[in-house]
N, C-alpha and C. Protein backbone atom coordinates (compact mmCIF):
# COMPACT_ATOMS: atom_id res chain seq x y z
N UNK A 1 119.00 169.69 129.06
CA UNK A 1 118.06 168.65 129.50
C UNK A 1 118.80 167.33 129.56
N UNK A 2 118.56 166.62 130.66
CA UNK A 2 119.22 165.32 130.80
C UNK A 2 118.63 164.32 129.82
N UNK A 3 119.49 163.43 129.34
CA UNK A 3 119.02 162.36 128.44
C UNK A 3 118.15 161.39 129.21
N UNK A 4 117.20 160.74 128.54
CA UNK A 4 116.41 159.70 129.20
C UNK A 4 117.33 158.64 129.77
N UNK A 5 116.94 158.11 130.90
CA UNK A 5 117.79 157.13 131.58
C UNK A 5 118.11 155.95 130.70
N UNK A 6 117.12 155.47 129.89
CA UNK A 6 117.33 154.26 129.12
C UNK A 6 118.41 154.44 128.08
N UNK A 7 118.63 155.69 127.62
CA UNK A 7 119.64 155.89 126.58
C UNK A 7 121.04 155.76 127.12
N UNK A 8 121.20 155.87 128.48
CA UNK A 8 122.50 155.75 129.10
C UNK A 8 122.91 154.30 129.32
N UNK A 9 122.00 153.39 129.11
CA UNK A 9 122.29 151.97 129.28
C UNK A 9 122.99 151.47 128.03
N UNK A 10 124.09 150.75 128.14
CA UNK A 10 124.80 150.23 126.97
C UNK A 10 123.85 149.48 126.05
N UNK A 11 124.06 149.66 124.74
CA UNK A 11 123.14 149.08 123.75
C UNK A 11 122.95 147.60 123.93
N UNK A 12 124.02 146.89 124.21
CA UNK A 12 123.92 145.44 124.30
C UNK A 12 123.13 144.97 125.49
N UNK A 13 122.86 145.91 126.44
CA UNK A 13 122.10 145.53 127.62
C UNK A 13 120.68 146.06 127.58
N UNK A 14 120.39 146.90 126.57
CA UNK A 14 119.07 147.51 126.55
C UNK A 14 117.96 146.48 126.42
N UNK A 15 118.11 145.60 125.44
CA UNK A 15 117.03 144.64 125.19
C UNK A 15 117.61 143.41 124.52
N UNK A 16 117.97 142.48 125.31
CA UNK A 16 118.57 141.27 124.76
C UNK A 16 117.49 140.46 124.05
N UNK A 17 117.73 140.10 122.78
CA UNK A 17 116.73 139.32 122.04
C UNK A 17 116.53 137.95 122.65
N UNK A 18 115.31 137.45 122.53
CA UNK A 18 115.02 136.12 123.06
C UNK A 18 115.89 135.10 122.35
N UNK A 19 116.49 134.22 123.10
CA UNK A 19 117.38 133.22 122.53
C UNK A 19 116.57 132.13 121.85
N UNK A 20 116.83 131.93 120.57
CA UNK A 20 116.09 130.91 119.83
C UNK A 20 116.68 129.53 120.07
N UNK A 21 115.82 128.54 120.02
CA UNK A 21 116.30 127.17 120.14
C UNK A 21 116.99 126.78 118.84
N UNK A 22 118.22 126.39 118.92
CA UNK A 22 118.96 126.02 117.72
C UNK A 22 118.58 124.62 117.28
N UNK A 23 118.91 124.33 116.01
CA UNK A 23 118.59 123.04 115.45
C UNK A 23 119.29 121.93 116.21
N UNK A 24 120.51 122.24 116.72
CA UNK A 24 121.27 121.20 117.42
C UNK A 24 120.59 120.78 118.71
N UNK A 25 119.66 121.61 119.23
CA UNK A 25 118.93 121.26 120.44
C UNK A 25 117.73 120.39 120.15
N UNK A 26 117.46 120.14 118.89
CA UNK A 26 116.34 119.29 118.48
C UNK A 26 116.85 118.33 117.41
N UNK A 27 117.64 117.34 117.81
CA UNK A 27 118.29 116.46 116.83
C UNK A 27 117.33 115.71 115.92
N UNK A 28 116.17 115.30 116.44
CA UNK A 28 115.22 114.56 115.62
C UNK A 28 114.65 115.44 114.51
N UNK A 29 114.37 116.69 114.85
CA UNK A 29 113.86 117.63 113.85
C UNK A 29 114.95 117.93 112.81
N UNK A 30 116.17 118.08 113.29
CA UNK A 30 117.28 118.35 112.38
C UNK A 30 117.48 117.19 111.42
N UNK A 31 117.49 115.98 111.93
CA UNK A 31 117.68 114.80 111.09
C UNK A 31 116.54 114.66 110.08
N UNK A 32 115.32 114.92 110.53
CA UNK A 32 114.16 114.82 109.63
C UNK A 32 114.27 115.83 108.50
N UNK A 33 114.72 117.04 108.83
CA UNK A 33 114.87 118.08 107.81
C UNK A 33 115.97 117.72 106.81
N UNK A 34 117.07 117.17 107.33
CA UNK A 34 118.16 116.73 106.45
C UNK A 34 117.67 115.63 105.52
N UNK A 35 116.93 114.67 106.05
CA UNK A 35 116.42 113.57 105.24
C UNK A 35 115.48 114.06 104.15
N UNK A 36 114.63 115.02 104.48
CA UNK A 36 113.66 115.54 103.51
C UNK A 36 114.38 116.25 102.36
N UNK A 37 115.34 117.10 102.69
CA UNK A 37 116.08 117.82 101.65
C UNK A 37 116.95 116.86 100.85
N UNK A 38 117.60 115.92 101.56
CA UNK A 38 118.47 114.96 100.88
C UNK A 38 117.68 114.08 99.93
N UNK A 39 116.45 113.73 100.30
CA UNK A 39 115.62 112.90 99.42
C UNK A 39 115.38 113.61 98.09
N UNK A 40 115.14 114.91 98.15
CA UNK A 40 114.93 115.68 96.93
C UNK A 40 116.22 115.75 96.11
N UNK A 41 117.34 115.96 96.78
CA UNK A 41 118.63 116.06 96.09
C UNK A 41 119.01 114.73 95.43
N UNK A 42 118.90 113.65 96.18
CA UNK A 42 119.25 112.34 95.63
C UNK A 42 118.27 111.92 94.53
N UNK A 43 117.00 112.25 94.72
CA UNK A 43 116.02 111.90 93.71
C UNK A 43 116.25 112.64 92.41
N UNK A 44 116.63 113.90 92.51
CA UNK A 44 116.83 114.73 91.33
C UNK A 44 118.17 114.47 90.64
N UNK A 45 119.21 114.22 91.45
CA UNK A 45 120.57 114.16 90.89
C UNK A 45 121.25 112.80 91.03
N UNK A 46 120.62 111.89 91.77
CA UNK A 46 121.25 110.60 91.99
C UNK A 46 122.34 110.68 93.05
N UNK A 47 122.86 109.54 93.44
CA UNK A 47 123.90 109.50 94.46
C UNK A 47 125.15 110.24 94.00
N UNK A 48 125.57 110.01 92.77
CA UNK A 48 126.81 110.61 92.27
C UNK A 48 126.68 112.13 92.12
N UNK A 49 125.52 112.60 91.69
CA UNK A 49 125.36 114.03 91.41
C UNK A 49 125.04 114.89 92.61
N UNK A 50 124.43 114.32 93.63
CA UNK A 50 124.05 115.09 94.82
C UNK A 50 125.31 115.53 95.57
N UNK A 51 125.24 116.71 96.21
CA UNK A 51 126.37 117.26 96.94
C UNK A 51 125.98 117.53 98.40
N UNK A 52 126.81 117.06 99.31
CA UNK A 52 126.56 117.28 100.73
C UNK A 52 126.59 118.77 101.05
N UNK A 53 127.47 119.54 100.38
CA UNK A 53 127.53 120.99 100.59
C UNK A 53 126.18 121.63 100.32
N UNK A 54 125.53 121.21 99.25
CA UNK A 54 124.23 121.76 98.89
C UNK A 54 123.17 121.39 99.91
N UNK A 55 123.19 120.14 100.37
CA UNK A 55 122.22 119.69 101.37
C UNK A 55 122.42 120.46 102.67
N UNK A 56 123.68 120.68 103.05
CA UNK A 56 123.99 121.44 104.27
C UNK A 56 123.48 122.87 104.16
N UNK A 57 123.68 123.49 103.00
CA UNK A 57 123.24 124.88 102.80
C UNK A 57 121.72 124.98 102.85
N UNK A 58 121.03 124.05 102.23
CA UNK A 58 119.57 124.09 102.17
C UNK A 58 118.93 123.80 103.52
N UNK A 59 119.64 123.09 104.39
CA UNK A 59 119.11 122.75 105.72
C UNK A 59 119.67 123.66 106.81
N UNK A 60 120.54 124.61 106.41
CA UNK A 60 121.18 125.53 107.36
C UNK A 60 121.90 124.77 108.47
N UNK A 61 122.54 123.68 108.05
CA UNK A 61 123.37 122.92 108.98
C UNK A 61 124.80 122.94 108.44
N UNK A 62 125.56 121.93 108.73
CA UNK A 62 126.94 121.85 108.25
C UNK A 62 127.23 120.43 107.79
N UNK A 63 128.25 120.30 106.96
CA UNK A 63 128.68 118.97 106.53
C UNK A 63 129.06 118.13 107.75
N UNK A 64 129.70 118.77 108.71
CA UNK A 64 130.13 118.06 109.92
C UNK A 64 128.93 117.46 110.66
N UNK A 65 127.84 118.23 110.75
CA UNK A 65 126.65 117.73 111.44
C UNK A 65 126.01 116.58 110.67
N UNK A 66 125.96 116.71 109.35
CA UNK A 66 125.39 115.64 108.52
C UNK A 66 126.19 114.36 108.68
N UNK A 67 127.50 114.49 108.66
CA UNK A 67 128.36 113.31 108.84
C UNK A 67 128.23 112.75 110.26
N UNK A 68 127.99 113.63 111.23
CA UNK A 68 127.81 113.18 112.61
C UNK A 68 126.58 112.29 112.72
N UNK A 69 125.50 112.70 112.05
CA UNK A 69 124.25 111.94 112.13
C UNK A 69 124.25 110.70 111.23
N UNK A 70 124.84 110.79 110.05
CA UNK A 70 124.68 109.74 109.06
C UNK A 70 125.98 109.06 108.62
N UNK A 71 127.12 109.56 109.10
CA UNK A 71 128.39 108.87 108.87
C UNK A 71 129.08 109.24 107.57
N UNK A 72 128.33 109.31 106.49
CA UNK A 72 128.92 109.57 105.18
C UNK A 72 127.81 109.94 104.20
N UNK A 73 128.19 110.32 103.00
CA UNK A 73 127.22 110.59 101.95
C UNK A 73 126.42 109.34 101.64
N UNK A 74 127.11 108.20 101.57
CA UNK A 74 126.43 106.94 101.30
C UNK A 74 125.50 106.56 102.45
N UNK A 75 125.92 106.88 103.68
CA UNK A 75 125.07 106.60 104.84
C UNK A 75 123.80 107.42 104.81
N UNK A 76 123.91 108.68 104.38
CA UNK A 76 122.74 109.54 104.25
C UNK A 76 121.82 109.02 103.15
N UNK A 77 122.41 108.62 102.05
CA UNK A 77 121.63 108.07 100.92
C UNK A 77 120.84 106.84 101.36
N UNK A 78 121.48 105.96 102.11
CA UNK A 78 120.80 104.75 102.58
C UNK A 78 119.68 105.11 103.55
N UNK A 79 119.93 106.09 104.42
CA UNK A 79 118.90 106.53 105.37
C UNK A 79 117.70 107.11 104.64
N UNK A 80 117.95 107.83 103.55
CA UNK A 80 116.87 108.38 102.73
C UNK A 80 116.05 107.26 102.11
N UNK A 81 116.71 106.25 101.58
CA UNK A 81 115.99 105.10 101.01
C UNK A 81 115.11 104.44 102.07
N UNK A 82 115.68 104.21 103.24
CA UNK A 82 114.94 103.54 104.31
C UNK A 82 113.72 104.36 104.72
N UNK A 83 113.89 105.66 104.86
CA UNK A 83 112.78 106.53 105.27
C UNK A 83 111.69 106.57 104.20
N UNK A 84 112.10 106.56 102.93
CA UNK A 84 111.13 106.60 101.83
C UNK A 84 110.26 105.35 101.83
N UNK A 85 110.87 104.18 102.00
CA UNK A 85 110.11 102.94 102.04
C UNK A 85 109.25 102.88 103.31
N UNK A 86 109.79 103.37 104.40
CA UNK A 86 109.04 103.35 105.66
C UNK A 86 107.75 104.15 105.56
N UNK A 87 107.81 105.31 104.91
CA UNK A 87 106.61 106.15 104.79
C UNK A 87 105.51 105.44 104.01
N UNK A 88 105.89 104.75 102.95
CA UNK A 88 104.89 104.01 102.17
C UNK A 88 104.25 102.93 103.02
N UNK A 89 105.09 102.15 103.69
CA UNK A 89 104.58 101.05 104.49
C UNK A 89 103.74 101.53 105.67
N UNK A 90 104.10 102.67 106.26
CA UNK A 90 103.32 103.22 107.37
C UNK A 90 101.91 103.57 106.92
N UNK A 91 101.80 104.19 105.74
CA UNK A 91 100.47 104.56 105.23
C UNK A 91 99.68 103.31 104.87
N UNK A 92 100.35 102.33 104.26
CA UNK A 92 99.66 101.08 103.90
C UNK A 92 99.04 100.42 105.13
N UNK A 93 99.74 100.51 106.26
CA UNK A 93 99.23 99.86 107.48
C UNK A 93 97.98 100.54 108.02
N UNK A 94 97.68 101.76 107.53
CA UNK A 94 96.51 102.51 107.98
C UNK A 94 95.31 102.34 107.04
N UNK A 95 95.45 101.49 106.02
CA UNK A 95 94.36 101.29 105.06
C UNK A 95 93.25 100.40 105.62
N UNK A 96 93.57 99.64 106.67
CA UNK A 96 92.59 98.74 107.30
C UNK A 96 91.96 97.79 106.29
N UNK A 97 92.79 97.15 105.50
CA UNK A 97 92.30 96.24 104.47
C UNK A 97 91.54 95.07 105.07
N UNK A 98 91.92 94.67 106.28
CA UNK A 98 91.29 93.52 106.91
C UNK A 98 89.82 93.79 107.27
N UNK A 99 89.44 95.07 107.29
CA UNK A 99 88.06 95.43 107.63
C UNK A 99 87.14 95.46 106.41
N UNK A 100 87.70 95.23 105.21
CA UNK A 100 86.93 95.32 103.98
C UNK A 100 86.76 93.95 103.34
N UNK A 101 85.73 93.81 102.52
CA UNK A 101 85.59 92.60 101.72
C UNK A 101 86.79 92.50 100.78
N UNK A 102 87.24 91.27 100.46
CA UNK A 102 88.48 91.10 99.67
C UNK A 102 88.56 91.94 98.41
N UNK A 103 87.50 91.97 97.61
CA UNK A 103 87.56 92.73 96.36
C UNK A 103 87.64 94.23 96.63
N UNK A 104 86.92 94.69 97.63
CA UNK A 104 86.96 96.11 97.99
C UNK A 104 88.33 96.46 98.56
N UNK A 105 88.90 95.54 99.34
CA UNK A 105 90.23 95.77 99.90
C UNK A 105 91.28 95.87 98.81
N UNK A 106 91.15 95.02 97.79
CA UNK A 106 92.10 95.08 96.67
C UNK A 106 91.96 96.40 95.93
N UNK A 107 90.75 96.84 95.71
CA UNK A 107 90.54 98.13 95.06
C UNK A 107 91.22 99.26 95.84
N UNK A 108 91.06 99.25 97.14
CA UNK A 108 91.66 100.31 97.96
C UNK A 108 93.18 100.25 97.90
N UNK A 109 93.75 99.05 97.96
CA UNK A 109 95.20 98.92 97.93
C UNK A 109 95.78 99.39 96.60
N UNK A 110 95.16 98.99 95.50
CA UNK A 110 95.66 99.39 94.18
C UNK A 110 95.52 100.89 93.99
N UNK A 111 94.38 101.45 94.38
CA UNK A 111 94.15 102.89 94.24
C UNK A 111 95.16 103.67 95.07
N UNK A 112 95.42 103.19 96.30
CA UNK A 112 96.40 103.87 97.14
C UNK A 112 97.78 103.85 96.50
N UNK A 113 98.21 102.69 96.02
CA UNK A 113 99.54 102.57 95.42
C UNK A 113 99.66 103.48 94.20
N UNK A 114 98.65 103.46 93.36
CA UNK A 114 98.63 104.30 92.16
C UNK A 114 98.74 105.77 92.55
N UNK A 115 97.92 106.21 93.49
CA UNK A 115 97.91 107.63 93.88
C UNK A 115 99.19 108.03 94.61
N UNK A 116 99.68 107.14 95.47
CA UNK A 116 100.92 107.46 96.19
C UNK A 116 102.06 107.70 95.22
N UNK A 117 102.25 106.80 94.28
CA UNK A 117 103.34 106.95 93.33
C UNK A 117 103.18 108.22 92.50
N UNK A 118 101.94 108.52 92.12
CA UNK A 118 101.67 109.71 91.33
C UNK A 118 102.00 110.98 92.11
N UNK A 119 101.72 110.97 93.39
CA UNK A 119 101.91 112.16 94.23
C UNK A 119 103.31 112.26 94.82
N UNK A 120 104.10 111.21 94.67
CA UNK A 120 105.47 111.20 95.23
C UNK A 120 106.46 110.81 94.14
N UNK A 121 106.57 111.68 93.17
CA UNK A 121 107.47 111.41 92.05
C UNK A 121 108.90 111.22 92.52
N UNK A 122 109.27 111.92 93.57
CA UNK A 122 110.64 111.80 94.05
C UNK A 122 110.93 110.39 94.57
N UNK A 123 109.92 109.76 95.16
CA UNK A 123 110.08 108.37 95.60
C UNK A 123 110.40 107.47 94.41
N UNK A 124 109.71 107.68 93.30
CA UNK A 124 109.96 106.89 92.09
C UNK A 124 111.38 107.15 91.59
N UNK A 125 111.81 108.40 91.63
CA UNK A 125 113.17 108.73 91.19
C UNK A 125 114.21 108.03 92.05
N UNK A 126 113.97 107.99 93.35
CA UNK A 126 114.91 107.31 94.25
C UNK A 126 115.02 105.83 93.92
N UNK A 127 113.86 105.21 93.69
CA UNK A 127 113.86 103.78 93.36
C UNK A 127 114.56 103.54 92.02
N UNK A 128 114.32 104.43 91.06
CA UNK A 128 114.97 104.30 89.76
C UNK A 128 116.49 104.46 89.89
N UNK A 129 116.91 105.43 90.70
CA UNK A 129 118.35 105.63 90.92
C UNK A 129 118.99 104.43 91.59
N UNK A 130 118.28 103.83 92.52
CA UNK A 130 118.85 102.67 93.20
C UNK A 130 118.92 101.48 92.25
N UNK A 131 118.02 101.41 91.30
CA UNK A 131 118.12 100.37 90.29
C UNK A 131 119.33 100.60 89.38
N UNK A 132 119.63 101.87 89.11
CA UNK A 132 120.84 102.19 88.35
C UNK A 132 122.07 101.71 89.13
N UNK A 133 122.00 101.83 90.46
CA UNK A 133 123.09 101.35 91.32
C UNK A 133 123.02 99.84 91.54
N UNK A 134 122.11 99.18 90.81
CA UNK A 134 121.93 97.73 90.90
C UNK A 134 121.59 97.25 92.32
N UNK A 135 120.93 98.14 93.06
CA UNK A 135 120.46 97.78 94.39
C UNK A 135 121.54 97.57 95.43
N UNK A 136 122.74 98.09 95.18
CA UNK A 136 123.85 97.80 96.08
C UNK A 136 123.66 98.39 97.47
N UNK A 137 122.99 99.54 97.57
CA UNK A 137 122.78 100.14 98.89
C UNK A 137 121.55 99.53 99.56
N UNK A 138 120.53 99.26 98.78
CA UNK A 138 119.33 98.61 99.31
C UNK A 138 119.69 97.26 99.93
N UNK A 139 120.64 96.57 99.32
CA UNK A 139 121.06 95.25 99.82
C UNK A 139 121.71 95.33 101.19
N UNK A 140 122.17 96.51 101.56
CA UNK A 140 122.85 96.68 102.85
C UNK A 140 121.87 96.92 103.99
N UNK A 141 120.60 97.13 103.65
CA UNK A 141 119.62 97.54 104.66
C UNK A 141 118.75 96.38 105.14
N UNK A 142 118.97 95.97 106.36
CA UNK A 142 118.11 94.97 106.98
C UNK A 142 116.75 95.59 107.29
N UNK A 143 116.74 96.89 107.55
CA UNK A 143 115.50 97.59 107.90
C UNK A 143 114.49 97.54 106.76
N UNK A 144 114.95 97.77 105.53
CA UNK A 144 114.04 97.75 104.39
C UNK A 144 113.48 96.36 104.18
N UNK A 145 114.32 95.35 104.36
CA UNK A 145 113.84 93.97 104.24
C UNK A 145 112.71 93.72 105.23
N UNK A 146 112.89 94.20 106.45
CA UNK A 146 111.89 93.98 107.50
C UNK A 146 110.62 94.79 107.23
N UNK A 147 110.77 95.99 106.65
CA UNK A 147 109.61 96.84 106.38
C UNK A 147 108.64 96.18 105.40
N UNK A 148 109.18 95.41 104.47
CA UNK A 148 108.35 94.82 103.43
C UNK A 148 107.65 93.53 103.86
N UNK A 149 108.05 92.97 104.98
CA UNK A 149 107.42 91.73 105.47
C UNK A 149 105.94 91.93 105.75
N UNK A 150 105.55 92.95 106.54
CA UNK A 150 104.10 93.14 106.79
C UNK A 150 103.31 93.50 105.54
N UNK A 151 103.95 94.18 104.58
CA UNK A 151 103.25 94.55 103.34
C UNK A 151 102.85 93.31 102.56
N UNK A 152 103.78 92.36 102.44
CA UNK A 152 103.48 91.11 101.73
C UNK A 152 102.50 90.26 102.53
N UNK A 153 102.64 90.30 103.85
CA UNK A 153 101.73 89.53 104.71
C UNK A 153 100.29 90.04 104.56
N UNK A 154 100.13 91.37 104.43
CA UNK A 154 98.79 91.95 104.26
C UNK A 154 98.17 91.51 102.94
N UNK A 155 98.97 91.49 101.88
CA UNK A 155 98.46 91.04 100.58
C UNK A 155 98.10 89.56 100.63
N UNK A 156 98.95 88.77 101.28
CA UNK A 156 98.71 87.34 101.40
C UNK A 156 97.41 87.07 102.14
N UNK A 157 97.19 87.81 103.22
CA UNK A 157 95.96 87.63 104.00
C UNK A 157 94.74 88.05 103.18
N UNK A 158 94.86 89.19 102.48
CA UNK A 158 93.77 89.67 101.64
C UNK A 158 93.43 88.63 100.57
N UNK A 159 94.45 88.11 99.93
CA UNK A 159 94.26 87.13 98.85
C UNK A 159 93.63 85.84 99.38
N UNK A 160 94.13 85.34 100.50
CA UNK A 160 93.61 84.08 101.05
C UNK A 160 92.15 84.23 101.48
N UNK A 161 91.78 85.40 101.97
CA UNK A 161 90.37 85.63 102.30
C UNK A 161 89.52 85.58 101.04
N UNK A 162 90.05 86.17 99.97
CA UNK A 162 89.33 86.17 98.71
C UNK A 162 89.16 84.78 98.13
N UNK A 163 90.20 83.95 98.25
CA UNK A 163 90.13 82.57 97.77
C UNK A 163 89.09 81.79 98.58
N UNK A 164 89.13 82.00 99.88
CA UNK A 164 88.19 81.30 100.76
C UNK A 164 86.74 81.69 100.46
N UNK A 165 86.54 82.94 100.10
CA UNK A 165 85.20 83.42 99.77
C UNK A 165 84.79 83.09 98.33
N UNK A 166 85.71 82.52 97.57
CA UNK A 166 85.41 82.18 96.19
C UNK A 166 85.49 83.36 95.24
N UNK A 167 86.09 84.47 95.71
CA UNK A 167 86.19 85.69 94.89
C UNK A 167 87.44 85.68 94.01
N UNK A 168 88.57 85.20 94.58
CA UNK A 168 89.84 85.17 93.84
C UNK A 168 90.19 83.74 93.45
N UNK A 169 90.84 83.62 92.32
CA UNK A 169 91.25 82.29 91.85
C UNK A 169 92.46 81.79 92.63
N UNK A 170 92.62 80.49 92.65
CA UNK A 170 93.73 79.87 93.37
C UNK A 170 95.02 79.92 92.54
N UNK A 171 96.14 79.70 93.23
CA UNK A 171 97.42 79.54 92.55
C UNK A 171 98.24 80.80 92.38
N UNK A 172 97.85 81.90 93.03
CA UNK A 172 98.61 83.14 92.91
C UNK A 172 99.54 83.31 94.10
N UNK A 173 100.58 84.10 93.90
CA UNK A 173 101.58 84.34 94.93
C UNK A 173 101.52 85.80 95.38
N UNK A 174 101.64 86.04 96.67
CA UNK A 174 101.51 87.40 97.22
C UNK A 174 102.57 88.35 96.68
N UNK A 175 103.80 87.88 96.53
CA UNK A 175 104.87 88.73 96.01
C UNK A 175 104.60 89.08 94.55
N UNK A 176 104.06 88.12 93.80
CA UNK A 176 103.74 88.37 92.39
C UNK A 176 102.60 89.38 92.27
N UNK A 177 101.62 89.28 93.16
CA UNK A 177 100.52 90.26 93.17
C UNK A 177 101.08 91.65 93.47
N UNK A 178 101.96 91.71 94.44
CA UNK A 178 102.60 92.98 94.81
C UNK A 178 103.38 93.55 93.63
N UNK A 179 104.10 92.70 92.91
CA UNK A 179 104.88 93.13 91.76
C UNK A 179 103.97 93.73 90.67
N UNK A 180 102.83 93.08 90.45
CA UNK A 180 101.91 93.56 89.42
C UNK A 180 101.31 94.91 89.80
N UNK A 181 100.93 95.07 91.06
CA UNK A 181 100.39 96.35 91.52
C UNK A 181 101.44 97.45 91.39
N UNK A 182 102.67 97.13 91.81
CA UNK A 182 103.76 98.11 91.76
C UNK A 182 104.08 98.50 90.33
N UNK A 183 104.17 97.51 89.45
CA UNK A 183 104.55 97.78 88.06
C UNK A 183 103.55 98.69 87.37
N UNK A 184 102.26 98.39 87.54
CA UNK A 184 101.23 99.17 86.86
C UNK A 184 101.11 100.59 87.43
N UNK A 185 101.48 100.76 88.69
CA UNK A 185 101.43 102.09 89.31
C UNK A 185 102.71 102.88 89.04
N UNK A 186 103.82 102.18 88.98
CA UNK A 186 105.14 102.79 88.82
C UNK A 186 105.32 103.40 87.43
N UNK A 187 104.89 102.67 86.42
CA UNK A 187 105.11 103.08 85.02
C UNK A 187 104.50 104.44 84.72
N UNK A 188 103.35 104.70 85.27
CA UNK A 188 102.65 105.94 84.98
C UNK A 188 103.45 107.16 85.40
N UNK A 189 104.38 106.98 86.34
CA UNK A 189 105.24 108.08 86.80
C UNK A 189 106.62 107.99 86.16
N UNK A 190 107.22 106.81 86.19
CA UNK A 190 108.60 106.66 85.70
C UNK A 190 108.73 106.96 84.21
N UNK A 191 107.69 106.66 83.42
CA UNK A 191 107.77 106.82 81.96
C UNK A 191 106.85 107.90 81.43
N UNK A 192 106.40 108.77 82.31
CA UNK A 192 105.41 109.77 81.88
C UNK A 192 105.94 110.70 80.80
N UNK A 193 107.22 111.03 80.86
CA UNK A 193 107.76 111.99 79.89
C UNK A 193 107.98 111.32 78.53
N UNK A 194 108.64 110.17 78.52
CA UNK A 194 108.90 109.49 77.25
C UNK A 194 107.61 108.97 76.64
N UNK A 195 106.79 108.28 77.42
CA UNK A 195 105.55 107.71 76.91
C UNK A 195 104.59 108.80 76.46
N UNK A 196 104.51 109.86 77.27
CA UNK A 196 103.62 110.96 76.93
C UNK A 196 104.02 111.65 75.64
N UNK A 197 105.32 111.84 75.45
CA UNK A 197 105.79 112.50 74.24
C UNK A 197 105.58 111.63 73.00
N UNK A 198 105.90 110.35 73.12
CA UNK A 198 105.78 109.44 71.97
C UNK A 198 104.34 109.33 71.49
N UNK A 199 103.41 109.21 72.45
CA UNK A 199 102.01 108.99 72.07
C UNK A 199 101.13 110.23 72.22
N UNK A 200 101.78 111.40 72.42
CA UNK A 200 101.06 112.68 72.49
C UNK A 200 99.95 112.65 73.54
N UNK A 201 100.34 112.21 74.74
CA UNK A 201 99.39 112.11 75.86
C UNK A 201 99.75 113.12 76.94
N UNK A 202 98.74 113.72 77.51
CA UNK A 202 98.95 114.57 78.69
C UNK A 202 98.73 113.70 79.91
N UNK A 203 99.78 113.05 80.36
CA UNK A 203 99.66 112.08 81.44
C UNK A 203 99.49 112.72 82.81
N UNK A 204 99.50 114.04 82.86
CA UNK A 204 99.26 114.74 84.12
C UNK A 204 97.85 115.30 84.22
N UNK A 205 97.08 115.15 83.15
CA UNK A 205 95.72 115.68 83.18
C UNK A 205 94.85 114.83 84.11
N UNK A 206 93.90 115.48 84.78
CA UNK A 206 93.04 114.78 85.74
C UNK A 206 92.20 113.71 85.04
N UNK A 207 91.78 113.98 83.81
CA UNK A 207 90.97 113.01 83.07
C UNK A 207 91.78 111.76 82.75
N UNK A 208 93.01 111.95 82.29
CA UNK A 208 93.86 110.80 81.96
C UNK A 208 94.16 109.98 83.22
N UNK A 209 94.50 110.66 84.30
CA UNK A 209 94.84 109.97 85.55
C UNK A 209 93.68 109.14 86.06
N UNK A 210 92.46 109.73 86.07
CA UNK A 210 91.28 109.01 86.56
C UNK A 210 91.01 107.78 85.70
N UNK A 211 91.12 107.95 84.38
CA UNK A 211 90.87 106.83 83.46
C UNK A 211 91.91 105.74 83.64
N UNK A 212 93.17 106.15 83.77
CA UNK A 212 94.25 105.17 83.93
C UNK A 212 94.14 104.44 85.27
N UNK A 213 93.79 105.16 86.33
CA UNK A 213 93.61 104.52 87.64
C UNK A 213 92.52 103.46 87.59
N UNK A 214 91.40 103.79 86.98
CA UNK A 214 90.29 102.83 86.86
C UNK A 214 90.73 101.59 86.07
N UNK A 215 91.50 101.81 85.01
CA UNK A 215 91.96 100.68 84.20
C UNK A 215 92.91 99.77 84.97
N UNK A 216 93.80 100.37 85.74
CA UNK A 216 94.76 99.58 86.52
C UNK A 216 94.03 98.75 87.57
N UNK A 217 93.07 99.36 88.25
CA UNK A 217 92.28 98.62 89.24
C UNK A 217 91.54 97.46 88.59
N UNK A 218 90.91 97.73 87.44
CA UNK A 218 90.15 96.70 86.75
C UNK A 218 91.06 95.56 86.26
N UNK A 219 92.24 95.89 85.77
CA UNK A 219 93.19 94.85 85.31
C UNK A 219 93.57 93.92 86.45
N UNK A 220 93.86 94.49 87.61
CA UNK A 220 94.24 93.66 88.75
C UNK A 220 93.09 92.79 89.22
N UNK A 221 91.89 93.36 89.24
CA UNK A 221 90.72 92.59 89.65
C UNK A 221 90.46 91.42 88.70
N UNK A 222 90.54 91.68 87.40
CA UNK A 222 90.31 90.61 86.42
C UNK A 222 91.40 89.54 86.50
N UNK A 223 92.61 89.97 86.79
CA UNK A 223 93.73 89.04 86.92
C UNK A 223 93.51 88.08 88.09
N UNK A 224 92.94 88.59 89.18
CA UNK A 224 92.81 87.79 90.40
C UNK A 224 91.44 87.14 90.55
N UNK A 225 90.44 87.63 89.86
CA UNK A 225 89.08 87.17 90.05
C UNK A 225 88.91 85.69 89.68
N UNK A 226 88.12 85.00 90.47
CA UNK A 226 87.85 83.59 90.19
C UNK A 226 86.98 83.47 88.95
N UNK A 227 87.18 82.40 88.16
CA UNK A 227 86.38 82.20 86.93
C UNK A 227 84.92 81.93 87.26
């Protein structure tokens, strides 16, 4: 009996698999994936401890491609910092604080900052690592400086509306308000292990988080509220 015709066709010609689009054909997706993995590596291990080989392996790319996109390990680290700050500022711009009464707007801003930091521990790690580096890479970024301009402008506008309405007291500075919001939200993540252990607190419990969030919001409101 003759063999079926299809069996006489060379194996490599029988059924060529569909050609997949490689990562190199989608540079923006590739760069985004590298940034996401690198953010985790730098956050966990710091600039000195992170390895480009590991980032390349986890992203199924190569060191050569990473250097092509970002220039160097330090260039990738700076790009990660810039992207991390950009994501925060992008979300802040969607809060529509200008559509709310000043006190309600402040509540929303503080709650967002508190929740964002809690849900993005790696962002806190990155900021802590850059402080260990004494801000030397952050200082090189004009982009990060520009990203923070609208954030401070939004707080300034919110505060001035509150003063005009007689809700907030006079004499406060927008950068100082921002610092207070950041500090009270940052600590709950940056010191959760040491503070929790010392005072026997479960700082990850939903009850503790809800109570702490309410307290932080109330502290900021009392700080800014007109007498």
